Amino acid sequence: MQQPPNGVPIPQLPPLTWLKSRRSNPSGNCVELAELPGGAGIAVRNSRHPEGPALIYTVDEIAAFVLGARDGDFDHLIN
């Protein structure tokens, strides 16, 4: 399976279901994620710019990030 390039314009992606954190606030300071068809990866976009571009990551890359965030690896960036 070939990984799509990063910085993909949203119109070039298939229709996706975008999700954002329940911690998102009304000012739009959030990112949204969507699963690509066939397990091709996870698309990430800025919620303030839903037209894109989207960054594409593998499931393993997103898992490493989420697990690191859960473990507090990035807490120093927001304190």
N, C-alpha and C. Protein backbone atom coordinates (compact mmCIF):
# COMPACT_ATOMS: atom_id res chain seq x y z
N MET A 1 0.84 -1.18 0.00
CA MET A 1 0.00 0.00 0.00
C MET A 1 0.89 1.24 0.00
N GLN A 2 0.70 2.11 -0.96
CA GLN A 2 1.50 3.33 -1.08
C GLN A 2 0.89 4.43 -0.24
N GLN A 3 1.73 5.13 0.52
CA GLN A 3 1.28 6.23 1.36
C GLN A 3 1.04 7.47 0.51
N PRO A 4 -0.14 8.13 0.65
CA PRO A 4 -0.37 9.38 -0.06
C PRO A 4 0.61 10.45 0.40
N PRO A 5 0.91 11.44 -0.44
CA PRO A 5 1.82 12.51 -0.04
C PRO A 5 1.18 13.41 1.01
N ASN A 6 2.00 14.18 1.71
CA ASN A 6 1.48 15.13 2.69
C ASN A 6 1.12 16.44 2.02
N GLY A 7 0.29 17.21 2.71
CA GLY A 7 -0.17 18.48 2.17
C GLY A 7 -1.18 18.28 1.06
N VAL A 8 -2.04 17.27 1.21
CA VAL A 8 -3.03 16.94 0.18
C VAL A 8 -4.21 17.91 0.25
N PRO A 9 -4.57 18.57 -0.85
CA PRO A 9 -5.78 19.39 -0.84
C PRO A 9 -7.00 18.52 -0.57
N ILE A 10 -7.89 18.99 0.27
CA ILE A 10 -9.07 18.22 0.65
C ILE A 10 -9.86 17.73 -0.57
N PRO A 11 -10.06 18.56 -1.61
CA PRO A 11 -10.82 18.06 -2.77
C PRO A 11 -10.20 16.83 -3.44
N GLN A 12 -8.91 16.59 -3.22
CA GLN A 12 -8.26 15.42 -3.83
C GLN A 12 -8.48 14.14 -3.02
N LEU A 13 -9.03 14.27 -1.82
CA LEU A 13 -9.30 13.10 -0.99
C LEU A 13 -10.72 12.61 -1.24
N PRO A 14 -10.97 11.33 -0.98
CA PRO A 14 -12.34 10.85 -1.09
C PRO A 14 -13.18 11.47 0.03
N PRO A 15 -14.51 11.38 -0.05
CA PRO A 15 -15.33 11.90 1.05
C PRO A 15 -14.93 11.21 2.36
N LEU A 16 -14.72 12.01 3.40
CA LEU A 16 -14.26 11.49 4.69
C LEU A 16 -15.18 11.96 5.80
N THR A 17 -15.19 11.22 6.89
CA THR A 17 -15.91 11.62 8.09
C THR A 17 -14.88 12.19 9.06
N TRP A 18 -14.93 13.49 9.27
CA TRP A 18 -13.95 14.17 10.11
C TRP A 18 -14.43 14.20 11.55
N LEU A 19 -13.48 13.97 12.47
CA LEU A 19 -13.76 13.96 13.91
C LEU A 19 -12.85 14.96 14.60
N LYS A 20 -13.38 15.59 15.66
CA LYS A 20 -12.52 16.44 16.48
C LYS A 20 -12.78 16.15 17.94
N SER A 21 -11.86 16.55 18.76
CA SER A 21 -11.91 16.28 20.18
C SER A 21 -13.12 16.94 20.84
N ARG A 22 -13.65 16.27 21.84
CA ARG A 22 -14.71 16.88 22.65
C ARG A 22 -14.17 18.08 23.40
N ARG A 23 -12.84 18.19 23.53
CA ARG A 23 -12.22 19.31 24.21
C ARG A 23 -12.08 20.53 23.29
N SER A 24 -12.48 20.39 22.06
CA SER A 24 -12.42 21.51 21.12
C SER A 24 -13.28 22.65 21.65
N ASN A 25 -12.87 23.88 21.34
CA ASN A 25 -13.63 25.02 21.83
C ASN A 25 -14.24 25.79 20.66
N PRO A 26 -15.19 26.68 20.95
CA PRO A 26 -15.88 27.40 19.88
C PRO A 26 -14.97 28.28 19.01
N SER A 27 -13.78 28.62 19.49
CA SER A 27 -12.90 29.47 18.68
C SER A 27 -12.22 28.71 17.56
N GLY A 28 -12.43 27.38 17.49
CA GLY A 28 -11.89 26.60 16.39
C GLY A 28 -10.44 26.22 16.53
N ASN A 29 -9.91 26.27 17.74
CA ASN A 29 -8.52 25.89 17.96
C ASN A 29 -8.42 24.38 18.09
N CYS A 30 -8.47 23.72 16.97
CA CYS A 30 -8.56 22.27 17.00
C CYS A 30 -8.07 21.69 15.67
N VAL A 31 -7.70 20.44 15.72
CA VAL A 31 -7.45 19.69 14.50
C VAL A 31 -8.53 18.63 14.37
N GLU A 32 -8.76 18.19 13.17
CA GLU A 32 -9.74 17.14 12.90
C GLU A 32 -9.02 15.99 12.23
N LEU A 33 -9.47 14.78 12.52
CA LEU A 33 -8.87 13.58 11.95
C LEU A 33 -9.93 12.77 11.22
N ALA A 34 -9.50 12.06 10.19
CA ALA A 34 -10.39 11.19 9.44
C ALA A 34 -9.62 9.96 8.97
N GLU A 35 -10.27 8.82 9.06
CA GLU A 35 -9.67 7.58 8.59
C GLU A 35 -9.80 7.50 7.07
N LEU A 36 -8.70 7.20 6.40
CA LEU A 36 -8.74 7.03 4.95
C LEU A 36 -9.26 5.64 4.61
N PRO A 37 -9.92 5.51 3.48
CA PRO A 37 -10.47 4.21 3.09
C PRO A 37 -9.40 3.13 2.99
N GLY A 38 -9.79 1.92 3.35
CA GLY A 38 -8.91 0.77 3.19
C GLY A 38 -7.72 0.76 4.13
N GLY A 39 -7.79 1.54 5.21
CA GLY A 39 -6.69 1.56 6.15
C GLY A 39 -5.45 2.25 5.63
N ALA A 40 -5.61 3.14 4.64
CA ALA A 40 -4.47 3.82 4.01
C ALA A 40 -3.82 4.85 4.90
N GLY A 41 -4.42 5.16 6.03
CA GLY A 41 -3.83 6.12 6.95
C GLY A 41 -4.88 7.00 7.58
N ILE A 42 -4.40 8.05 8.23
CA ILE A 42 -5.25 9.02 8.92
C ILE A 42 -4.92 10.40 8.37
N ALA A 43 -5.96 11.12 7.95
CA ALA A 43 -5.79 12.49 7.48
C ALA A 43 -6.01 13.44 8.66
N VAL A 44 -5.22 14.50 8.72
CA VAL A 44 -5.33 15.50 9.78
C VAL A 44 -5.43 16.88 9.12
N ARG A 45 -6.40 17.67 9.56
CA ARG A 45 -6.55 19.02 9.01
C ARG A 45 -6.81 20.02 10.14
N ASN A 46 -6.56 21.27 9.86
CA ASN A 46 -6.84 22.37 10.77
C ASN A 46 -8.33 22.67 10.69
N SER A 47 -9.02 22.67 11.83
CA SER A 47 -10.46 22.89 11.80
C SER A 47 -10.84 24.30 11.33
N ARG A 48 -9.92 25.25 11.43
CA ARG A 48 -10.20 26.61 10.94
C ARG A 48 -10.05 26.71 9.43
N HIS A 49 -9.44 25.69 8.81
CA HIS A 49 -9.23 25.67 7.37
C HIS A 49 -9.66 24.30 6.82
N PRO A 50 -10.95 24.00 6.88
CA PRO A 50 -11.41 22.67 6.48
C PRO A 50 -11.19 22.34 5.01
N GLU A 51 -10.88 23.35 4.20
CA GLU A 51 -10.62 23.09 2.78
C GLU A 51 -9.22 22.53 2.57
N GLY A 52 -8.42 22.49 3.62
CA GLY A 52 -7.12 21.85 3.53
C GLY A 52 -5.98 22.83 3.56
N PRO A 53 -4.82 22.30 3.40
CA PRO A 53 -4.48 20.92 3.07
C PRO A 53 -4.55 20.00 4.29
N ALA A 54 -4.53 18.70 4.00
CA ALA A 54 -4.52 17.69 5.05
C ALA A 54 -3.17 17.00 5.06
N LEU A 55 -2.69 16.70 6.25
CA LEU A 55 -1.49 15.90 6.39
C LEU A 55 -1.92 14.45 6.56
N ILE A 56 -1.18 13.53 5.96
CA ILE A 56 -1.53 12.12 6.00
C ILE A 56 -0.49 11.37 6.82
N TYR A 57 -0.96 10.60 7.79
CA TYR A 57 -0.10 9.80 8.65
C TYR A 57 -0.55 8.35 8.61
N THR A 58 0.39 7.45 8.89
CA THR A 58 0.01 6.04 9.02
C THR A 58 -0.71 5.86 10.35
N VAL A 59 -1.43 4.75 10.46
CA VAL A 59 -2.10 4.43 11.72
C VAL A 59 -1.07 4.30 12.83
N ASP A 60 0.07 3.69 12.54
CA ASP A 60 1.12 3.54 13.55
C ASP A 60 1.67 4.89 14.01
N GLU A 61 1.81 5.84 13.11
CA GLU A 61 2.29 7.18 13.49
C GLU A 61 1.28 7.87 14.41
N ILE A 62 0.01 7.77 14.08
CA ILE A 62 -1.02 8.39 14.94
C ILE A 62 -1.07 7.69 16.29
N ALA A 63 -0.94 6.36 16.29
CA ALA A 63 -0.94 5.62 17.55
C ALA A 63 0.21 6.07 18.43
N ALA A 64 1.39 6.23 17.86
CA ALA A 64 2.55 6.68 18.64
C ALA A 64 2.30 8.06 19.23
N PHE A 65 1.70 8.95 18.46
CA PHE A 65 1.41 10.29 18.95
C PHE A 65 0.37 10.25 20.07
N VAL A 66 -0.74 9.56 19.83
CA VAL A 66 -1.81 9.50 20.83
C VAL A 66 -1.31 8.87 22.13
N LEU A 67 -0.58 7.78 22.02
CA LEU A 67 -0.07 7.12 23.22
C LEU A 67 0.95 8.00 23.94
N GLY A 68 1.78 8.71 23.18
CA GLY A 68 2.71 9.64 23.80
C GLY A 68 1.99 10.77 24.51
N ALA A 69 0.93 11.30 23.88
CA ALA A 69 0.14 12.36 24.53
C ALA A 69 -0.52 11.83 25.79
N ARG A 70 -1.04 10.63 25.72
CA ARG A 70 -1.67 10.00 26.88
C ARG A 70 -0.67 9.83 28.02
N ASP A 71 0.57 9.54 27.68
CA ASP A 71 1.62 9.34 28.69
C ASP A 71 2.21 10.66 29.20
N GLY A 72 1.81 11.79 28.59
CA GLY A 72 2.29 13.09 29.04
C GLY A 72 3.57 13.56 28.37
N ASP A 73 3.97 12.89 27.29
CA ASP A 73 5.23 13.25 26.62
C ASP A 73 5.27 14.68 26.10
N PHE A 74 4.13 15.29 25.84
CA PHE A 74 4.09 16.63 25.25
C PHE A 74 3.54 17.68 26.20
N ASP A 75 3.32 17.31 27.45
CA ASP A 75 2.72 18.24 28.40
C ASP A 75 3.50 19.54 28.52
N HIS A 76 4.81 19.48 28.40
CA HIS A 76 5.64 20.68 28.53
C HIS A 76 5.35 21.72 27.44
N LEU A 77 4.72 21.29 26.36
CA LEU A 77 4.43 22.21 25.26
C LEU A 77 3.23 23.10 25.55
N ILE A 78 2.40 22.73 26.52
CA ILE A 78 1.20 23.52 26.81
C ILE A 78 1.20 24.10 28.22
N ASN A 79 2.28 23.95 28.92
CA ASN A 79 2.36 24.50 30.29
C ASN A 79 3.09 25.81 30.30
